[in-house]
């Protein structure tokens, strides 16, 4: 595939000028990246050949560091659990409260450690090449376009969530005000709105910065996908992959992996968006077919 020597945009055969930057394309670069380093071959019948992706990837596994951090926090909370008796703090003077809160945090910390250790093992499995379906690397301009498109989608999602929570807070505040005859309750309920507004504004921007600082690479595996520094897993703890869609209506083309996990209020739905590199639409379609057949088993 010929690439523009100025911006790296794919060129059609015999093109004299780049349709992206408009500069002469008299001298072009040939993309010599081996296919085996880009995508694990998926045949037309949905089976995949093995051996093209077997080496370890250069990605780090931050999930393991998070698990270690919470293991340290668990030890701290265990110490605080017994601190009142060791320090001679009377139960009625705060000893019981410290022990109760510490016991609760010990349980929560153990659960968090278990979750992140499980996620770390799954990521290690993917990074070792196990179950990898496709590996896509991107040109700089592709990655920037994807990061901007992902940012806009996240802004829309977070804006909808913020509006929904705000409306619910206002309605509940009005009901409580009418029942309790105290306007202070209404003001307290409205306090939820700025609390939700800050993460709704920050989350898309933090995600955008994370993508921009990531290596322009995506790894698609049976149990999850890695997009830059973002990890999406749909195994264990009741999580599952619900559907895989190829979105080509608006550029850039995106593979959308819809997955969900159980929460106290029902199943929480998430979407992992993976950019389809230039010239990889047919491979993306085969990836979709692969997961559809896998779900149909």
Protein backbone atom coordinates (compact mmCIF):
# COMPACT_ATOMS: atom_id res chain seq x y z
CA UNK A 1 0.00 0.00 0.00
CA UNK A 2 1.40 3.41 -1.00
CA UNK A 3 1.50 6.13 1.64
CA UNK A 4 1.91 9.89 1.26
CA UNK A 5 5.51 10.84 2.22
CA UNK A 6 4.25 14.04 3.86
CA UNK A 7 1.26 12.97 6.02
CA UNK A 8 1.17 9.17 5.72
CA UNK A 9 -2.32 9.09 4.16
CA UNK A 10 -3.06 6.00 1.97
CA UNK A 11 -2.81 6.78 -1.75
CA UNK A 12 -4.65 5.20 -4.63
CA UNK A 13 -2.57 3.52 -7.33
CA UNK A 14 -0.96 6.07 -9.66
CA UNK A 15 -2.02 9.11 -7.59
CA UNK A 16 0.08 12.23 -8.27
CA UNK A 17 -1.24 14.26 -5.35
CA UNK A 18 -2.36 13.33 -1.85
CA UNK A 19 -6.10 13.80 -1.35
CA UNK A 20 -5.50 14.50 2.35
CA UNK A 21 -2.79 17.18 2.40
CA UNK A 22 -2.73 18.11 -1.32
CA UNK A 23 1.05 17.79 -1.64
CA UNK A 24 2.78 16.03 -4.57
CA UNK A 25 3.09 12.28 -4.15
CA UNK A 26 5.98 11.76 -6.55
CA UNK A 27 7.88 9.90 -3.86
CA UNK A 28 5.89 7.50 -1.76
CA UNK A 29 6.58 5.16 1.13
CA UNK A 30 5.66 1.54 0.87
CA UNK A 31 4.14 -0.02 3.95
CA UNK A 32 6.35 -3.06 4.54
CA UNK A 33 4.86 -4.05 7.90
CA UNK A 34 4.33 -7.82 7.76
CA UNK A 35 0.70 -8.83 7.72
CA UNK A 36 1.42 -11.23 10.60
CA UNK A 37 2.22 -8.22 12.78
CA UNK A 38 -1.00 -6.44 11.89
CA UNK A 39 -3.75 -9.03 12.15
CA UNK A 40 -4.17 -12.67 12.95
CA UNK A 41 -5.61 -14.22 9.79
CA UNK A 42 -9.29 -15.15 9.99
CA UNK A 43 -10.47 -17.45 7.24
CA UNK A 44 -13.79 -17.16 5.44
CA UNK A 45 -15.33 -19.98 7.50
CA UNK A 46 -14.65 -18.08 10.72
CA UNK A 47 -11.67 -20.12 11.92
CA UNK A 48 -8.40 -18.39 12.64
CA UNK A 49 -4.90 -19.51 11.84
CA UNK A 50 -2.45 -19.71 14.72
CA UNK A 51 1.19 -18.73 14.90
CA UNK A 52 1.04 -15.23 13.43
CA UNK A 53 0.75 -13.61 16.85
CA UNK A 54 2.75 -15.31 19.54
CA UNK A 55 5.29 -12.82 20.90
CA UNK A 56 4.68 -10.78 24.03
CA UNK A 57 3.43 -7.24 23.50
CA UNK A 58 5.18 -4.19 24.92
CA UNK A 59 2.13 -3.04 26.89
CA UNK A 60 2.42 -2.80 30.65
CA UNK A 61 -0.21 -4.30 32.92
CA UNK A 62 -1.42 -1.50 35.25
CA UNK A 63 -4.14 -3.76 36.66
CA UNK A 64 -1.49 -5.70 38.56
CA UNK A 65 -0.10 -2.49 40.09
CA UNK A 66 -3.61 -1.50 41.19
CA UNK A 67 -4.07 -4.91 42.83
CA UNK A 68 -0.76 -4.52 44.67
CA UNK A 69 -1.73 -1.04 45.84
CA UNK A 70 -4.99 -2.34 47.29
CA UNK A 71 -3.15 -5.22 48.98
CA UNK A 72 -1.12 -2.59 50.82
CA UNK A 73 -4.34 -0.73 51.69
CA UNK A 74 -5.79 -4.00 53.04
CA UNK A 75 -2.87 -4.36 55.43
CA UNK A 76 -3.33 -0.74 56.54
CA UNK A 77 -7.03 -1.28 57.27
CA UNK A 78 -6.26 -4.52 59.17
CA UNK A 79 -3.87 -2.53 61.36
CA UNK A 80 -6.54 0.15 61.92
CA UNK A 81 -9.02 -2.60 62.79
CA UNK A 82 -6.96 -3.59 65.83
CA UNK A 83 -5.50 -0.14 66.56
CA UNK A 84 -8.14 0.91 69.16
CA UNK A 85 -7.32 -2.08 71.39
CA UNK A 86 -3.57 -1.68 70.83
CA UNK A 87 -3.68 2.06 71.53
CA UNK A 88 -6.09 1.71 74.45
CA UNK A 89 -8.86 3.77 72.79
CA UNK A 90 -12.16 3.26 74.56
CA UNK A 91 -14.94 1.88 72.38
CA UNK A 92 -17.36 4.62 73.36
CA UNK A 93 -14.76 7.28 72.54
CA UNK A 94 -14.43 6.32 68.91
CA UNK A 95 -12.83 2.87 69.18
CA UNK A 96 -15.94 1.05 67.96
CA UNK A 97 -16.37 3.45 65.06
CA UNK A 98 -12.74 3.05 63.94
CA UNK A 99 -12.97 -0.75 64.14
CA UNK A 100 -16.31 -0.89 62.29
CA UNK A 101 -15.15 1.37 59.43
CA UNK A 102 -11.82 -0.50 59.21
CA UNK A 103 -13.59 -3.88 59.09
CA UNK A 104 -15.83 -2.63 56.27
CA UNK A 105 -12.81 -1.31 54.33
CA UNK A 106 -10.93 -4.59 54.81
CA UNK A 107 -13.81 -6.49 53.17
CA UNK A 108 -14.03 -3.95 50.34
CA UNK A 109 -10.26 -4.01 49.80
CA UNK A 110 -10.17 -7.80 49.58
CA UNK A 111 -12.95 -7.73 46.97
CA UNK A 112 -11.13 -5.05 44.95
CA UNK A 113 -7.85 -7.00 45.12
CA UNK A 114 -9.65 -10.13 43.90
CA UNK A 115 -11.23 -8.24 40.98
CA UNK A 116 -8.02 -6.55 39.82
CA UNK A 117 -5.91 -9.71 40.23
CA UNK A 118 -8.42 -11.50 37.99
CA UNK A 119 -8.27 -8.65 35.45
CA UNK A 120 -4.48 -8.66 35.59
CA UNK A 121 -4.37 -12.40 34.82
CA UNK A 122 -6.71 -11.94 31.86
CA UNK A 123 -4.60 -9.08 30.52
CA UNK A 124 -1.42 -11.12 30.95
CA UNK A 125 -3.09 -13.85 28.92
CA UNK A 126 -3.97 -11.43 26.12
CA UNK A 127 -0.54 -9.78 26.16
CA UNK A 128 1.09 -13.19 25.85
CA UNK A 129 -0.87 -13.72 22.61
CA UNK A 130 -3.46 -16.16 23.95
CA UNK A 131 -6.79 -15.92 22.15
CA UNK A 132 -5.71 -12.90 20.10
CA UNK A 133 -7.86 -12.43 17.01
CA UNK A 134 -6.37 -9.27 15.51
CA UNK A 135 -3.67 -6.69 16.12
CA UNK A 136 -3.97 -3.36 14.33
CA UNK A 137 -1.39 -0.59 14.22
CA UNK A 138 -2.27 2.92 13.07
CA UNK A 139 -0.76 5.92 11.37
CA UNK A 140 -0.53 9.06 13.49
CA UNK A 141 -3.29 10.88 11.61
CA UNK A 142 -5.63 7.87 12.01
CA UNK A 143 -5.09 7.72 15.76
CA UNK A 144 -5.68 11.45 16.22
CA UNK A 145 -8.91 11.28 14.21
CA UNK A 146 -10.05 8.30 16.28
CA UNK A 147 -9.22 10.04 19.58
CA UNK A 148 -11.27 13.08 18.56
CA UNK A 149 -14.23 10.93 17.42
CA UNK A 150 -14.09 8.89 20.63
CA UNK A 151 -14.01 12.13 22.66
CA UNK A 152 -17.17 13.39 20.99
CA UNK A 153 -18.98 10.09 21.60
CA UNK A 154 -17.97 10.09 25.26
CA UNK A 155 -19.14 13.70 25.66
CA UNK A 156 -22.55 12.78 24.27
CA UNK A 157 -22.86 9.76 26.57
CA UNK A 158 -21.78 11.65 29.69
CA UNK A 159 -24.02 14.62 28.82
CA UNK A 160 -27.04 12.32 28.55
CA UNK A 161 -26.16 10.69 31.89
CA UNK A 162 -25.72 14.10 33.56
CA UNK A 163 -29.09 15.34 32.28
CA UNK A 164 -30.81 12.13 33.40
CA UNK A 165 -29.33 12.29 36.92
CA UNK A 166 -30.11 16.01 37.20
CA UNK A 167 -33.77 15.51 36.25
CA UNK A 168 -34.11 12.63 38.72
CA UNK A 169 -32.49 14.73 41.47
CA UNK A 170 -34.84 17.66 40.83
CA UNK A 171 -37.94 15.44 40.81
CA UNK A 172 -36.91 13.64 44.01
CA UNK A 173 -36.05 16.99 45.61
CA UNK A 174 -39.49 18.41 44.81
CA UNK A 175 -41.22 15.29 46.18
CA UNK A 176 -39.20 15.38 49.42
CA UNK A 177 -39.85 19.10 49.78
CA UNK A 178 -43.58 18.56 49.37
CA UNK A 179 -43.63 15.66 51.85
CA UNK A 180 -41.28 17.05 54.51
CA UNK A 181 -42.22 20.73 54.10
CA UNK A 182 -38.57 21.72 54.35
CA UNK A 183 -36.89 23.51 51.43
CA UNK A 184 -33.47 22.62 52.85
CA UNK A 185 -34.07 19.02 51.75
CA UNK A 186 -34.63 20.26 48.19
CA UNK A 187 -31.34 22.22 48.23
CA UNK A 188 -29.47 19.20 49.59
CA UNK A 189 -30.87 17.03 46.78
CA UNK A 190 -29.81 19.62 44.20
CA UNK A 191 -26.28 19.28 45.59
CA UNK A 192 -26.06 15.98 43.72
CA UNK A 193 -26.00 17.85 40.39
CA UNK A 194 -22.56 19.53 40.72
CA UNK A 195 -21.18 16.29 42.18
CA UNK A 196 -22.21 14.47 38.97
CA UNK A 197 -21.26 17.37 36.69
CA UNK A 198 -17.54 17.31 37.52
CA UNK A 199 -16.81 13.66 36.59
CA UNK A 200 -19.14 13.98 33.57
CA UNK A 201 -16.96 16.86 32.33
CA UNK A 202 -13.61 15.34 33.31
CA UNK A 203 -14.08 11.71 32.17
CA UNK A 204 -14.14 12.33 28.37
CA UNK A 205 -11.14 14.67 28.59
CA UNK A 206 -9.11 12.24 30.69
CA UNK A 207 -9.99 9.46 28.24
CA UNK A 208 -8.93 11.67 25.30
CA UNK A 209 -5.57 12.50 26.93
CA UNK A 210 -5.03 8.82 27.72
CA UNK A 211 -5.60 7.88 24.08
CA UNK A 212 -3.34 10.62 22.77
CA UNK A 213 -0.49 9.42 25.01
CA UNK A 214 -1.01 5.78 24.02
CA UNK A 215 0.77 3.72 21.42
CA UNK A 216 -1.39 3.72 18.24
CA UNK A 217 -2.28 0.06 18.50
CA UNK A 218 -5.31 -2.11 19.24
CA UNK A 219 -5.38 -5.76 20.28
CA UNK A 220 -8.61 -7.70 19.79
CA UNK A 221 -8.89 -10.97 21.71
CA UNK A 222 -11.55 -13.51 22.61
CA UNK A 223 -11.86 -12.17 26.17
CA UNK A 224 -11.39 -8.44 25.62
CA UNK A 225 -9.74 -5.64 23.68
CA UNK A 226 -6.85 -3.31 24.40
CA UNK A 227 -7.05 0.10 22.72
CA UNK A 228 -3.92 2.10 23.46
CA UNK A 229 -3.82 2.23 27.25
CA UNK A 230 -7.50 1.40 27.68
CA UNK A 231 -8.52 -2.12 28.65
CA UNK A 232 -11.94 -3.73 28.17
CA UNK A 233 -12.60 -7.24 29.49
CA UNK A 234 -15.80 -9.27 29.36
CA UNK A 235 -14.90 -12.45 31.24
CA UNK A 236 -15.58 -13.58 34.82
CA UNK A 237 -17.55 -11.75 37.53
CA UNK A 238 -20.71 -12.18 35.43
CA UNK A 239 -19.45 -10.01 32.54
CA UNK A 240 -20.30 -10.97 28.98
CA UNK A 241 -19.90 -9.78 25.39
CA UNK A 242 -23.35 -8.88 24.06
CA UNK A 243 -22.67 -7.86 20.45
CA UNK A 244 -20.04 -6.67 17.97
CA UNK A 245 -20.96 -4.10 15.31
CA UNK A 246 -19.06 -2.56 12.42
CA UNK A 247 -20.01 1.13 12.16
CA UNK A 248 -19.23 2.66 8.77
CA UNK A 249 -21.98 5.30 8.42
CA UNK A 250 -19.66 8.11 9.54
CA UNK A 251 -15.86 8.24 9.36
CA UNK A 252 -13.77 6.82 10.86
CA UNK A 253 -15.02 3.21 10.67
CA UNK A 254 -15.35 1.70 14.14
CA UNK A 255 -15.71 -1.79 15.58
CA UNK A 256 -18.03 -1.43 18.58
CA UNK A 257 -17.85 -4.18 21.22
CA UNK A 258 -20.92 -3.98 23.46
CA UNK A 259 -20.45 -5.78 26.77
CA UNK A 260 -22.13 -5.70 30.17
CA UNK A 261 -21.54 -6.64 33.79
CA UNK A 262 -23.86 -7.13 36.78
CA UNK A 263 -24.35 -4.36 39.34
CA UNK A 264 -26.74 -3.86 42.26
CA UNK A 265 -29.14 -1.93 39.99
CA UNK A 266 -28.99 -4.36 37.04
CA UNK A 267 -26.52 -4.92 34.23
CA UNK A 268 -24.20 -2.02 33.41
CA UNK A 269 -23.56 -1.69 29.68
CA UNK A 270 -20.23 -0.55 28.25
CA UNK A 271 -18.89 0.00 24.73
CA UNK A 272 -15.33 -0.60 23.58
CA UNK A 273 -14.64 1.29 20.34
CA UNK A 274 -11.81 0.04 18.11
CA UNK A 275 -10.69 2.02 15.08
CA UNK A 276 -10.55 0.08 11.81
CA UNK A 277 -7.30 1.00 10.02
CA UNK A 278 -7.29 2.14 6.40
CA UNK A 279 -7.75 -0.81 4.06
CA UNK A 280 -8.90 -3.17 6.83
CA UNK A 281 -12.68 -3.12 6.33
CA UNK A 282 -12.76 -6.70 5.00
CA UNK A 283 -10.70 -7.90 7.96
CA UNK A 284 -13.01 -6.02 10.31
CA UNK A 285 -16.00 -7.78 8.74
CA UNK A 286 -14.28 -11.13 9.33
CA UNK A 287 -13.67 -10.16 12.97
CA UNK A 288 -17.41 -9.46 13.35
CA UNK A 289 -18.27 -12.79 11.71
CA UNK A 290 -15.82 -14.54 14.03
CA UNK A 291 -17.49 -13.19 17.18
CA UNK A 292 -21.00 -13.72 15.86
CA UNK A 293 -20.25 -17.39 15.18
CA UNK A 294 -18.54 -17.67 18.55
CA UNK A 295 -21.62 -16.30 20.33
CA UNK A 296 -23.84 -18.65 18.37
CA UNK A 297 -22.11 -21.75 19.71
